[in-house]
Amino acid sequence: MSNSNRIRLNVGGQRFETNRKTLCQFPHTLLGALFSEGSREIPQKDDNGDYFFDRNGDAFSVIIDFYRNGGKIFLPYMWHRFSPDVLAAELAYFRIPHKTDLLPKTPKPDERPLFAIAQDFPESKKYFSEIVKPCKTRAREMLDTYGNFIVKVTMIGLEAILSNIYQSTANVRPYYMHFVFTRTPEAPLSAITITTSPMNPGNVSILPKIPKADYASLDWRPLRSFLCLETDSEWLPEQERRQLVLNREEFNRALSSAVHGGKVLKDISAAEEAHHVTFDTITLFRLHLNVQPLVLTPSQ
């Protein structure tokens, strides 16, 4: 490329370098027209040999990228160096074509909603970043890690419950599915039992009906920690616990919605260790099931 094709621009004190071919691919824009062959309106150079434009240099970075990227306009991620109104003025001056709804409207200070102002407070942002967001992330991780297995186990358990009801004409009562673990440091899952008592896990396990590969690699301690509302914050531990309550409720609703539209799986909760400990096992959590919506009466 010859030096005669290179063009240096000084826009509001900021220097940019490009070439004539880049600008002239859009001849209807201001720069495309000024630097096209045969143009009689080429601006004068300053003492440094640059073409000077007394415009906003920060916003011009969007203008020059328009030429460099085949006519695409890339808006800034943050608007801290110039406002949408400033960019709109620069696009108009340099005759850059764009959609009328491309730019967000700049709210005037007195037009911002009060809640938007409040959410910008440093303490509000700190609370969101250090309490709210981590708790939401934790709930999502619990659902991603354990959700599918819990739903699968619930379906298998419901099949066993309904079969027992129809075969023995047992009364339809609330059922509880107990997740029982061996009392070792690794705490592997050793049984999943179904009883009508929230306190007694019973002895008959449905775990043999489930492929071991589905649960052998799962570490269940994070789920129990989440269900027990164990916190990590030294800053606002009680407020983190309250946020965890909200996210635990959302976690429960999400799981419930995956089983017969939320009518059957009522709750998943941590078990009270004092009532669920034997010599070699411990029940860490349980599911509360309501099978009534699934039971067919004789008339049905």
C-alpha atoms as a PDB file:
ATOM      1  CA  MET A   1       0.000   0.000   0.000  1.00  0.00           C
ATOM      2  CA  SER A   2       1.468   3.348  -0.975  1.00  0.00           C
ATOM      3  CA  ASN A   3       1.625   6.186   1.513  1.00  0.00           C
ATOM      4  CA  SER A   4      -0.670   8.202  -0.754  1.00  0.00           C
ATOM      5  CA  ASN A   5      -3.483   5.783   0.063  1.00  0.00           C
ATOM      6  CA  ARG A   6      -2.961   5.985   3.804  1.00  0.00           C
ATOM      7  CA  ILE A   7      -5.098   8.569   5.577  1.00  0.00           C
ATOM      8  CA  ARG A   8      -4.516   9.937   9.052  1.00  0.00           C
ATOM      9  CA  LEU A   9      -7.437  11.537  10.817  1.00  0.00           C
ATOM     10  CA  ASN A  10      -7.380  13.756  13.881  1.00  0.00           C
ATOM     11  CA  VAL A  11     -10.829  13.713  15.480  1.00  0.00           C
ATOM     12  CA  GLY A  12     -11.122  15.937  18.522  1.00  0.00           C
ATOM     13  CA  GLY A  13      -7.463  15.366  19.363  1.00  0.00           C
ATOM     14  CA  GLN A  14      -7.503  11.588  18.864  1.00  0.00           C
ATOM     15  CA  ARG A  15      -5.641  10.165  15.900  1.00  0.00           C
ATOM     16  CA  PHE A  16      -6.879   7.376  13.649  1.00  0.00           C
ATOM     17  CA  GLU A  17      -5.198   5.814  10.627  1.00  0.00           C
ATOM     18  CA  THR A  18      -6.928   4.074   7.746  1.00  0.00           C
ATOM     19  CA  ASN A  19      -6.717   3.965   3.965  1.00  0.00           C
ATOM     20  CA  ARG A  20      -8.647   5.549   1.149  1.00  0.00           C
ATOM     21  CA  LYS A  21     -10.089   2.231  -0.075  1.00  0.00           C
ATOM     22  CA  THR A  22     -11.652   1.531   3.329  1.00  0.00           C
ATOM     23  CA  LEU A  23     -13.452   4.880   3.390  1.00  0.00           C
ATOM     24  CA  CYS A  24     -14.494   4.923  -0.241  1.00  0.00           C
ATOM     25  CA  GLN A  25     -16.432   1.651  -0.082  1.00  0.00           C
ATOM     26  CA  PHE A  26     -19.272   3.814   1.316  1.00  0.00           C
ATOM     27  CA  PRO A  27     -19.279   6.839  -1.022  1.00  0.00           C
ATOM     28  CA  HIS A  28     -22.538   8.283   0.344  1.00  0.00           C
ATOM     29  CA  THR A  29     -21.039   8.822   3.792  1.00  0.00           C
ATOM     30  CA  LEU A  30     -19.171  12.016   4.608  1.00  0.00           C
ATOM     31  CA  LEU A  31     -15.699  10.475   4.657  1.00  0.00           C
ATOM     32  CA  GLY A  32     -16.436   8.285   1.666  1.00  0.00           C
ATOM     33  CA  ALA A  33     -17.438  11.356  -0.347  1.00  0.00           C
ATOM     34  CA  LEU A  34     -14.562  13.552   0.864  1.00  0.00           C
ATOM     35  CA  PHE A  35     -11.832  11.065  -0.021  1.00  0.00           C
ATOM     36  CA  SER A  36     -13.283   9.635  -3.226  1.00  0.00           C
ATOM     37  CA  GLU A  37     -11.439  10.108  -6.506  1.00  0.00           C
ATOM     38  CA  GLY A  38     -12.079  13.516  -8.001  1.00  0.00           C
ATOM     39  CA  SER A  39     -13.545  15.001  -4.827  1.00  0.00           C
ATOM     40  CA  ARG A  40     -13.197  18.769  -4.624  1.00  0.00           C
ATOM     41  CA  GLU A  41     -13.981  18.895  -0.927  1.00  0.00           C
ATOM     42  CA  ILE A  42     -10.968  17.159   0.576  1.00  0.00           C
ATOM     43  CA  PRO A  43     -10.283  18.885   3.923  1.00  0.00           C
ATOM     44  CA  GLN A  44      -7.028  20.637   4.595  1.00  0.00           C
ATOM     45  CA  LYS A  45      -4.289  18.905   6.535  1.00  0.00           C
ATOM     46  CA  ASP A  46      -3.056  20.291   9.821  1.00  0.00           C
ATOM     47  CA  ASP A  47       0.598  20.931  10.697  1.00  0.00           C
ATOM     48  CA  ASN A  48       1.121  17.212  11.423  1.00  0.00           C
ATOM     49  CA  GLY A  49      -0.278  16.106   8.090  1.00  0.00           C
ATOM     50  CA  ASP A  50      -3.549  14.857   9.608  1.00  0.00           C
ATOM     51  CA  TYR A  51      -7.053  15.663   8.434  1.00  0.00           C
ATOM     52  CA  PHE A  52      -8.674  17.394  11.393  1.00  0.00           C
ATOM     53  CA  PHE A  53     -12.351  17.087  12.388  1.00  0.00           C
ATOM     54  CA  ASP A  54     -13.586  18.968  15.414  1.00  0.00           C
ATOM     55  CA  ARG A  55     -15.822  16.144  16.594  1.00  0.00           C
ATOM     56  CA  ASN A  56     -16.008  13.655  19.491  1.00  0.00           C
ATOM     57  CA  GLY A  57     -12.961  11.400  19.299  1.00  0.00           C
ATOM     58  CA  ASP A  58     -14.327   8.726  21.632  1.00  0.00           C
ATOM     59  CA  ALA A  59     -17.501   8.254  19.618  1.00  0.00           C
ATOM     60  CA  PHE A  60     -15.498   8.272  16.373  1.00  0.00           C
ATOM     61  CA  SER A  61     -14.159   4.816  17.280  1.00  0.00           C
ATOM     62  CA  VAL A  62     -17.637   3.507  16.387  1.00  0.00           C
ATOM     63  CA  ILE A  63     -17.568   5.462  13.111  1.00  0.00           C
ATOM     64  CA  ILE A  64     -14.202   4.161  11.941  1.00  0.00           C
ATOM     65  CA  ASP A  65     -15.189   0.580  12.860  1.00  0.00           C
ATOM     66  CA  PHE A  66     -18.229   0.991  10.597  1.00  0.00           C
ATOM     67  CA  TYR A  67     -15.850   1.333   7.634  1.00  0.00           C
ATOM     68  CA  ARG A  68     -13.482  -1.407   8.811  1.00  0.00           C
ATOM     69  CA  ASN A  69     -16.252  -3.973   9.303  1.00  0.00           C
ATOM     70  CA  GLY A  70     -18.201  -3.686   6.083  1.00  0.00           C
ATOM     71  CA  GLY A  71     -20.842  -1.281   7.321  1.00  0.00           C
ATOM     72  CA  LYS A  72     -21.595  -2.918  10.677  1.00  0.00           C
ATOM     73  CA  ILE A  73     -22.136  -0.726  13.715  1.00  0.00           C
ATOM     74  CA  PHE A  74     -20.833  -2.091  17.029  1.00  0.00           C
ATOM     75  CA  LEU A  75     -22.222  -0.275  20.028  1.00  0.00           C
ATOM     76  CA  PRO A  76     -20.128   0.036  23.187  1.00  0.00           C
ATOM     77  CA  TYR A  77     -20.816  -2.431  25.980  1.00  0.00           C
ATOM     78  CA  MET A  78     -20.718   0.394  28.513  1.00  0.00           C
ATOM     79  CA  TRP A  79     -21.747   4.001  27.863  1.00  0.00           C
ATOM     80  CA  HIS A  80     -19.311   5.655  30.257  1.00  0.00           C
ATOM     81  CA  ARG A  81     -17.193   7.505  27.648  1.00  0.00           C
ATOM     82  CA  PHE A  82     -20.050   9.007  25.644  1.00  0.00           C
ATOM     83  CA  SER A  83     -23.833   8.824  25.639  1.00  0.00           C
ATOM     84  CA  PRO A  84     -26.181   7.411  22.988  1.00  0.00           C
ATOM     85  CA  ASP A  85     -27.206  11.003  22.197  1.00  0.00           C
ATOM     86  CA  VAL A  86     -23.584  11.930  21.450  1.00  0.00           C
ATOM     87  CA  LEU A  87     -23.155   8.934  19.178  1.00  0.00           C
ATOM     88  CA  ALA A  88     -26.406   9.795  17.402  1.00  0.00           C
ATOM     89  CA  ALA A  89     -25.015  13.264  16.661  1.00  0.00           C
ATOM     90  CA  GLU A  90     -21.764  11.799  15.317  1.00  0.00           C
ATOM     91  CA  LEU A  91     -23.564   9.268  13.111  1.00  0.00           C
ATOM     92  CA  ALA A  92     -25.628  12.097  11.660  1.00  0.00           C
ATOM     93  CA  TYR A  93     -22.611  14.341  11.083  1.00  0.00           C
ATOM     94  CA  PHE A  94     -20.599  11.640   9.304  1.00  0.00           C
ATOM     95  CA  ARG A  95     -23.737  10.527   7.422  1.00  0.00           C
ATOM     96  CA  ILE A  96     -23.546   6.919   8.642  1.00  0.00           C
ATOM     97  CA  PRO A  97     -26.762   5.045   7.747  1.00  0.00           C
ATOM     98  CA  HIS A  98     -28.413   3.249  10.677  1.00  0.00           C
ATOM     99  CA  LYS A  99     -31.811   2.160  11.948  1.00  0.00           C
ATOM    100  CA  THR A 100     -33.716   4.727  13.932  1.00  0.00           C
ATOM    101  CA  ASP A 101     -34.115   2.343  16.878  1.00  0.00           C
ATOM    102  CA  LEU A 102     -30.457   1.305  16.954  1.00  0.00           C
ATOM    103  CA  LEU A 103     -29.486   3.459  19.912  1.00  0.00           C
ATOM    104  CA  PRO A 104     -30.956   3.213  23.407  1.00  0.00           C
ATOM    105  CA  LYS A 105     -32.577   6.321  24.750  1.00  0.00           C
ATOM    106  CA  THR A 106     -30.577   8.227  27.324  1.00  0.00           C
ATOM    107  CA  PRO A 107     -32.798   8.750  30.367  1.00  0.00           C
ATOM    108  CA  LYS A 108     -32.590  12.125  31.984  1.00  0.00           C
ATOM    109  CA  PRO A 109     -31.638  12.053  35.671  1.00  0.00           C
ATOM    110  CA  ASP A 110     -35.087  13.192  36.751  1.00  0.00           C
ATOM    111  CA  GLU A 111     -36.773  10.549  34.589  1.00  0.00           C
ATOM    112  CA  ARG A 112     -35.040   7.502  36.075  1.00  0.00           C
ATOM    113  CA  PRO A 113     -37.320   5.338  38.234  1.00  0.00           C
ATOM    114  CA  LEU A 114     -36.475   5.496  41.923  1.00  0.00           C
ATOM    115  CA  PHE A 115     -35.840   1.747  42.098  1.00  0.00           C
ATOM    116  CA  ALA A 116     -33.263   2.078  39.286  1.00  0.00           C
ATOM    117  CA  ILE A 117     -31.432   4.763  41.265  1.00  0.00           C
ATOM    118  CA  ALA A 118     -31.550   2.639  44.421  1.00  0.00           C
ATOM    119  CA  GLN A 119     -30.170  -0.425  42.644  1.00  0.00           C
ATOM    120  CA  ASP A 120     -27.098   1.588  41.689  1.00  0.00           C
ATOM    121  CA  PHE A 121     -26.162   2.188  45.317  1.00  0.00           C
ATOM    122  CA  PRO A 122     -22.782   0.564  46.061  1.00  0.00           C
ATOM    123  CA  GLU A 123     -24.219  -1.348  49.010  1.00  0.00           C
ATOM    124  CA  SER A 124     -27.083  -2.651  46.868  1.00  0.00           C
ATOM    125  CA  LYS A 125     -24.635  -3.895  44.251  1.00  0.00           C
ATOM    126  CA  LYS A 126     -22.466  -5.447  46.957  1.00  0.00           C
ATOM    127  CA  TYR A 127     -25.444  -7.318  48.432  1.00  0.00           C
ATOM    128  CA  PHE A 128     -26.474  -8.603  45.025  1.00  0.00           C
ATOM    129  CA  SER A 129     -22.967  -9.715  44.013  1.00  0.00           C
ATOM    130  CA  GLU A 130     -21.994 -11.274  47.367  1.00  0.00           C
ATOM    131  CA  ILE A 131     -25.324 -12.686  48.602  1.00  0.00           C
ATOM    132  CA  VAL A 132     -28.096 -12.885  46.006  1.00  0.00           C
ATOM    133  CA  LYS A 133     -26.123 -14.014  42.959  1.00  0.00           C
ATOM    134  CA  PRO A 134     -24.053 -16.727  44.721  1.00  0.00           C
ATOM    135  CA  CYS A 135     -27.208 -18.169  46.361  1.00  0.00           C
ATOM    136  CA  LYS A 136     -29.012 -18.323  43.016  1.00  0.00           C
ATOM    137  CA  THR A 137     -25.972 -19.924  41.418  1.00  0.00           C
ATOM    138  CA  ARG A 138     -25.817 -22.477  44.232  1.00  0.00           C
ATOM    139  CA  ALA A 139     -29.481 -23.440  43.753  1.00  0.00           C
ATOM    140  CA  ARG A 140     -28.965 -23.851  40.009  1.00  0.00           C
ATOM    141  CA  GLU A 141     -25.929 -26.067  40.594  1.00  0.00           C
ATOM    142  CA  MET A 142     -27.984 -28.264  42.937  1.00  0.00           C
ATOM    143  CA  LEU A 143     -30.709 -28.628  40.307  1.00  0.00           C
ATOM    144  CA  ASP A 144     -28.225 -29.349  37.522  1.00  0.00           C
ATOM    145  CA  THR A 145     -26.320 -31.919  39.587  1.00  0.00           C
ATOM    146  CA  TYR A 146     -29.079 -33.813  41.405  1.00  0.00           C
ATOM    147  CA  GLY A 147     -32.376 -32.863  39.753  1.00  0.00           C
ATOM    148  CA  ASN A 148     -32.616 -35.510  37.061  1.00  0.00           C
ATOM    149  CA  PHE A 149     -31.687 -38.336  39.441  1.00  0.00           C
ATOM    150  CA  ILE A 150     -34.217 -37.200  42.059  1.00  0.00           C
ATOM    151  CA  VAL A 151     -36.983 -37.040  39.445  1.00  0.00           C
ATOM    152  CA  LYS A 152     -36.049 -40.505  38.158  1.00  0.00           C
ATOM    153  CA  VAL A 153     -36.063 -41.969  41.677  1.00  0.00           C
ATOM    154  CA  THR A 154     -39.402 -40.291  42.430  1.00  0.00           C
ATOM    155  CA  MET A 155     -41.006 -41.871  39.365  1.00  0.00           C
ATOM    156  CA  ILE A 156     -39.716 -45.330  40.339  1.00  0.00           C
ATOM    157  CA  GLY A 157     -40.915 -44.796  43.898  1.00  0.00           C
ATOM    158  CA  LEU A 158     -44.370 -43.724  42.767  1.00  0.00           C
ATOM    159  CA  GLU A 159     -44.675 -46.877  40.694  1.00  0.00           C
ATOM    160  CA  ALA A 160     -43.921 -48.970  43.769  1.00  0.00           C
ATOM    161  CA  ILE A 161     -46.364 -46.987  45.927  1.00  0.00           C
ATOM    162  CA  LEU A 162     -49.246 -47.215  43.457  1.00  0.00           C
ATOM    163  CA  SER A 163     -48.651 -50.928  42.921  1.00  0.00           C
ATOM    164  CA  ASN A 164     -48.853 -51.491  46.669  1.00  0.00           C
ATOM    165  CA  ILE A 165     -52.034 -49.406  46.990  1.00  0.00           C
ATOM    166  CA  TYR A 166     -53.864 -51.286  44.231  1.00  0.00           C
ATOM    167  CA  GLN A 167     -52.703 -54.727  45.367  1.00  0.00           C
ATOM    168  CA  SER A 168     -53.364 -54.346  49.102  1.00  0.00           C
ATOM    169  CA  THR A 169     -56.117 -51.694  49.081  1.00  0.00           C
ATOM    170  CA  ALA A 170     -53.921 -49.692  51.456  1.00  0.00           C
ATOM    171  CA  ASN A 171     -55.120 -46.319  52.582  1.00  0.00           C
ATOM    172  CA  VAL A 172     -53.883 -43.372  50.593  1.00  0.00           C
ATOM    173  CA  ARG A 173     -51.617 -41.469  52.948  1.00  0.00           C
ATOM    174  CA  PRO A 174     -48.627 -39.200  52.586  1.00  0.00           C
ATOM    175  CA  TYR A 175     -45.471 -41.088  51.723  1.00  0.00           C
ATOM    176  CA  TYR A 176     -41.859 -40.257  52.418  1.00  0.00           C
ATOM    177  CA  MET A 177     -38.865 -41.303  50.396  1.00  0.00           C
ATOM    178  CA  HIS A 178     -35.737 -41.513  52.568  1.00  0.00           C
ATOM    179  CA  PHE A 179     -32.204 -41.200  51.183  1.00  0.00           C
ATOM    180  CA  VAL A 180     -30.022 -43.295  53.488  1.00  0.00           C
ATOM    181  CA  PHE A 181     -26.222 -43.101  53.525  1.00  0.00           C
ATOM    182  CA  THR A 182     -23.455 -45.157  55.061  1.00  0.00           C
ATOM    183  CA  ARG A 183     -21.797 -43.452  58.026  1.00  0.00           C
ATOM    184  CA  THR A 184     -18.312 -43.142  56.561  1.00  0.00           C
ATOM    185  CA  PRO A 185     -16.306 -40.070  55.501  1.00  0.00           C
ATOM    186  CA  GLU A 186     -17.308 -40.663  51.874  1.00  0.00           C
ATOM    187  CA  ALA A 187     -20.979 -41.166  52.899  1.00  0.00           C
ATOM    188  CA  PRO A 188     -22.084 -43.252  49.877  1.00  0.00           C
ATOM    189  CA  LEU A 189     -25.772 -43.675  49.135  1.00  0.00           C
ATOM    190  CA  SER A 190     -26.778 -47.066  50.543  1.00  0.00           C
ATOM    191  CA  ALA A 191     -30.587 -47.151  50.333  1.00  0.00           C
ATOM    192  CA  ILE A 192     -33.680 -45.287  49.178  1.00  0.00           C
ATOM    193  CA  THR A 193     -36.695 -46.367  51.187  1.00  0.00           C
ATOM    194  CA  ILE A 194     -40.389 -45.466  51.098  1.00  0.00           C
ATOM    195  CA  THR A 195     -42.557 -45.322  54.202  1.00  0.00           C
ATOM    196  CA  THR A 196     -45.605 -43.493  55.498  1.00  0.00           C
ATOM    197  CA  SER A 197     -43.567 -42.119  58.391  1.00  0.00           C
ATOM    198  CA  PRO A 198     -41.340 -39.051  58.143  1.00  0.00           C
ATOM    199  CA  MET A 199     -39.358 -40.339  61.130  1.00  0.00           C
ATOM    200  CA  ASN A 200     -38.767 -44.007  60.269  1.00  0.00           C
ATOM    201  CA  PRO A 201     -36.915 -44.781  57.018  1.00  0.00           C
ATOM    202  CA  GLY A 202     -37.842 -48.465  57.094  1.00  0.00           C
ATOM    203  CA  ASN A 203     -35.828 -51.326  55.602  1.00  0.00           C
ATOM    204  CA  VAL A 204     -37.107 -51.981  52.066  1.00  0.00           C
ATOM    205  CA  SER A 205     -34.983 -50.150  49.491  1.00  0.00           C
ATOM    206  CA  ILE A 206     -35.755 -49.380  45.863  1.00  0.00           C
ATOM    207  CA  LEU A 207     -32.093 -48.572  45.146  1.00  0.00           C
ATOM    208  CA  PRO A 208     -31.458 -51.966  43.458  1.00  0.00           C
ATOM    209  CA  LYS A 209     -33.890 -50.908  40.732  1.00  0.00           C
ATOM    210  CA  ILE A 210     -31.611 -48.002  39.780  1.00  0.00           C
ATOM    211  CA  PRO A 211     -28.355 -48.423  37.804  1.00  0.00           C
ATOM    212  CA  LYS A 212     -25.417 -47.747  40.094  1.00  0.00           C
ATOM    213  CA  ALA A 213     -23.803 -45.600  37.422  1.00  0.00           C
ATOM    214  CA  ASP A 214     -26.608 -43.076  37.930  1.00  0.00           C
ATOM    215  CA  TYR A 215     -25.528 -42.237  41.476  1.00  0.00           C
ATOM    216  CA  ALA A 216     -22.129 -43.764  42.302  1.00  0.00           C
ATOM    217  CA  SER A 217     -20.182 -40.626  41.413  1.00  0.00           C
ATOM    218  CA  LEU A 218     -22.511 -38.151  43.128  1.00  0.00           C
ATOM    219  CA  ASP A 219     -21.378 -36.399  46.289  1.00  0.00           C
ATOM    220  CA  TRP A 220     -24.567 -35.700  48.228  1.00  0.00           C
ATOM    221  CA  ARG A 221     -23.049 -33.533  50.946  1.00  0.00           C
ATOM    222  CA  PRO A 222     -23.410 -30.247  48.999  1.00  0.00           C
ATOM    223  CA  LEU A 223     -27.143 -30.933  48.555  1.00  0.00           C
ATOM    224  CA  ARG A 224     -27.656 -31.535  52.263  1.00  0.00           C
ATOM    225  CA  SER A 225     -25.644 -28.403  53.064  1.00  0.00           C
ATOM    226  CA  PHE A 226     -27.924 -26.455  50.728  1.00  0.00           C
ATOM    227  CA  LEU A 227     -31.093 -27.953  52.218  1.00  0.00           C
ATOM    228  CA  CYS A 228     -29.822 -27.207  55.745  1.00  0.00           C
ATOM    229  CA  LEU A 229     -29.215 -23.556  54.746  1.00  0.00           C
ATOM    230  CA  GLU A 230     -25.547 -23.698  55.665  1.00  0.00           C
ATOM    231  CA  THR A 231     -23.941 -20.354  54.817  1.00  0.00           C
ATOM    232  CA  ASP A 232     -20.462 -19.228  53.803  1.00  0.00           C
ATOM    233  CA  SER A 233     -20.844 -15.507  54.385  1.00  0.00           C
ATOM    234  CA  GLU A 234     -19.032 -13.797  57.248  1.00  0.00           C
ATOM    235  CA  TRP A 235     -20.514 -10.483  56.175  1.00  0.00           C
ATOM    236  CA  LEU A 236     -24.278 -11.112  56.390  1.00  0.00           C
ATOM    237  CA  PRO A 237     -24.789 -14.766  57.370  1.00  0.00           C
ATOM    238  CA  GLU A 238     -28.419 -14.367  58.464  1.00  0.00           C
ATOM    239  CA  GLN A 239     -29.363 -12.490  55.305  1.00  0.00           C
ATOM    240  CA  GLU A 240     -27.601 -15.117  53.221  1.00  0.00           C
ATOM    241  CA  ARG A 241     -29.605 -17.776  55.074  1.00  0.00           C
ATOM    242  CA  ARG A 242     -32.814 -15.912  54.258  1.00  0.00           C
ATOM    243  CA  GLN A 243     -31.829 -15.705  50.601  1.00  0.00           C
ATOM    244  CA  LEU A 244     -31.086 -19.433  50.658  1.00  0.00           C
ATOM    245  CA  VAL A 245     -34.597 -20.035  52.010  1.00  0.00           C
ATOM    246  CA  LEU A 246     -36.024 -18.292  48.949  1.00  0.00           C
ATOM    247  CA  ASN A 247     -33.767 -20.206  46.560  1.00  0.00           C
ATOM    248  CA  ARG A 248     -34.471 -23.505  48.322  1.00  0.00           C
ATOM    249  CA  GLU A 249     -38.195 -22.876  47.847  1.00  0.00           C
ATOM    250  CA  GLU A 250     -37.583 -22.149  44.173  1.00  0.00           C
ATOM    251  CA  PHE A 251     -35.492 -25.325  43.928  1.00  0.00           C
ATOM    252  CA  ASN A 252     -38.377 -27.325  45.442  1.00  0.00           C
ATOM    253  CA  ARG A 253     -40.935 -25.790  43.094  1.00  0.00           C
ATOM    254  CA  ALA A 254     -38.743 -26.561  40.085  1.00  0.00           C
ATOM    255  CA  LEU A 255     -38.348 -30.210  41.104  1.00  0.00           C
ATOM    256  CA  SER A 256     -42.040 -30.502  41.932  1.00  0.00           C
ATOM    257  CA  SER A 257     -43.044 -29.158  38.520  1.00  0.00           C
ATOM    258  CA  ALA A 258     -41.044 -31.949  36.866  1.00  0.00           C
ATOM    259  CA  VAL A 259     -43.180 -34.665  38.532  1.00  0.00           C
ATOM    260  CA  HIS A 260     -46.808 -34.783  37.372  1.00  0.00           C
ATOM    261  CA  GLY A 261     -47.097 -31.017  37.071  1.00  0.00           C
ATOM    262  CA  GLY A 262     -46.300 -30.215  40.698  1.00  0.00           C
ATOM    263  CA  LYS A 263     -49.178 -32.209  42.231  1.00  0.00           C
ATOM    264  CA  VAL A 264     -47.227 -35.100  43.743  1.00  0.00           C
ATOM    265  CA  LEU A 265     -43.733 -34.114  44.905  1.00  0.00           C
ATOM    266  CA  LYS A 266     -44.470 -31.756  47.767  1.00  0.00           C
ATOM    267  CA  ASP A 267     -41.074 -31.113  49.263  1.00  0.00           C
ATOM    268  CA  ILE A 268     -37.457 -32.181  49.577  1.00  0.00           C
ATOM    269  CA  SER A 269     -35.878 -31.411  52.923  1.00  0.00           C
ATOM    270  CA  ALA A 270     -32.928 -32.281  55.108  1.00  0.00           C
ATOM    271  CA  ALA A 271     -33.645 -34.955  57.679  1.00  0.00           C
ATOM    272  CA  GLU A 272     -33.190 -34.330  61.383  1.00  0.00           C
ATOM    273  CA  GLU A 273     -30.170 -36.438  62.237  1.00  0.00           C
ATOM    274  CA  ALA A 274     -31.329 -37.261  65.770  1.00  0.00           C
ATOM    275  CA  HIS A 275     -34.262 -39.237  64.388  1.00  0.00           C
ATOM    276  CA  HIS A 276     -32.527 -40.866  61.425  1.00  0.00           C
ATOM    277  CA  VAL A 277     -29.273 -42.324  62.757  1.00  0.00           C
ATOM    278  CA  THR A 278     -28.491 -45.985  63.224  1.00  0.00           C
ATOM    279  CA  PHE A 279     -25.210 -47.615  64.090  1.00  0.00           C
ATOM    280  CA  ASP A 280     -23.954 -47.601  60.517  1.00  0.00           C
ATOM    281  CA  THR A 281     -26.356 -45.441  58.467  1.00  0.00           C
ATOM    282  CA  ILE A 282     -27.806 -41.947  58.454  1.00  0.00           C
ATOM    283  CA  THR A 283     -30.730 -40.433  56.550  1.00  0.00           C
ATOM    284  CA  LEU A 284     -29.621 -37.104  55.142  1.00  0.00           C
ATOM    285  CA  PHE A 285     -32.783 -35.948  53.382  1.00  0.00           C
ATOM    286  CA  ARG A 286     -36.246 -37.082  52.343  1.00  0.00           C
ATOM    287  CA  LEU A 287     -38.961 -36.424  49.789  1.00  0.00           C
ATOM    288  CA  HIS A 288     -42.565 -35.817  50.786  1.00  0.00           C
ATOM    289  CA  LEU A 289     -44.999 -37.358  48.292  1.00  0.00           C
ATOM    290  CA  ASN A 290     -48.746 -36.924  47.889  1.00  0.00           C
ATOM    291  CA  VAL A 291     -50.054 -39.742  45.710  1.00  0.00           C
ATOM    292  CA  GLN A 292     -53.736 -38.873  46.026  1.00  0.00           C
ATOM    293  CA  PRO A 293     -53.911 -37.137  42.581  1.00  0.00           C
ATOM    294  CA  LEU A 294     -52.634 -40.365  40.975  1.00  0.00           C
ATOM    295  CA  VAL A 295     -54.948 -42.840  42.680  1.00  0.00           C
ATOM    296  CA  LEU A 296     -57.894 -44.033  40.599  1.00  0.00           C
ATOM    297  CA  THR A 297     -61.167 -44.572  42.400  1.00  0.00           C
ATOM    298  CA  PRO A 298     -63.397 -47.537  41.367  1.00  0.00           C
ATOM    299  CA  SER A 299     -65.621 -45.233  39.325  1.00  0.00           C
ATOM    300  CA  GLN A 300     -62.592 -44.133  37.312  1.00  0.00           C
END
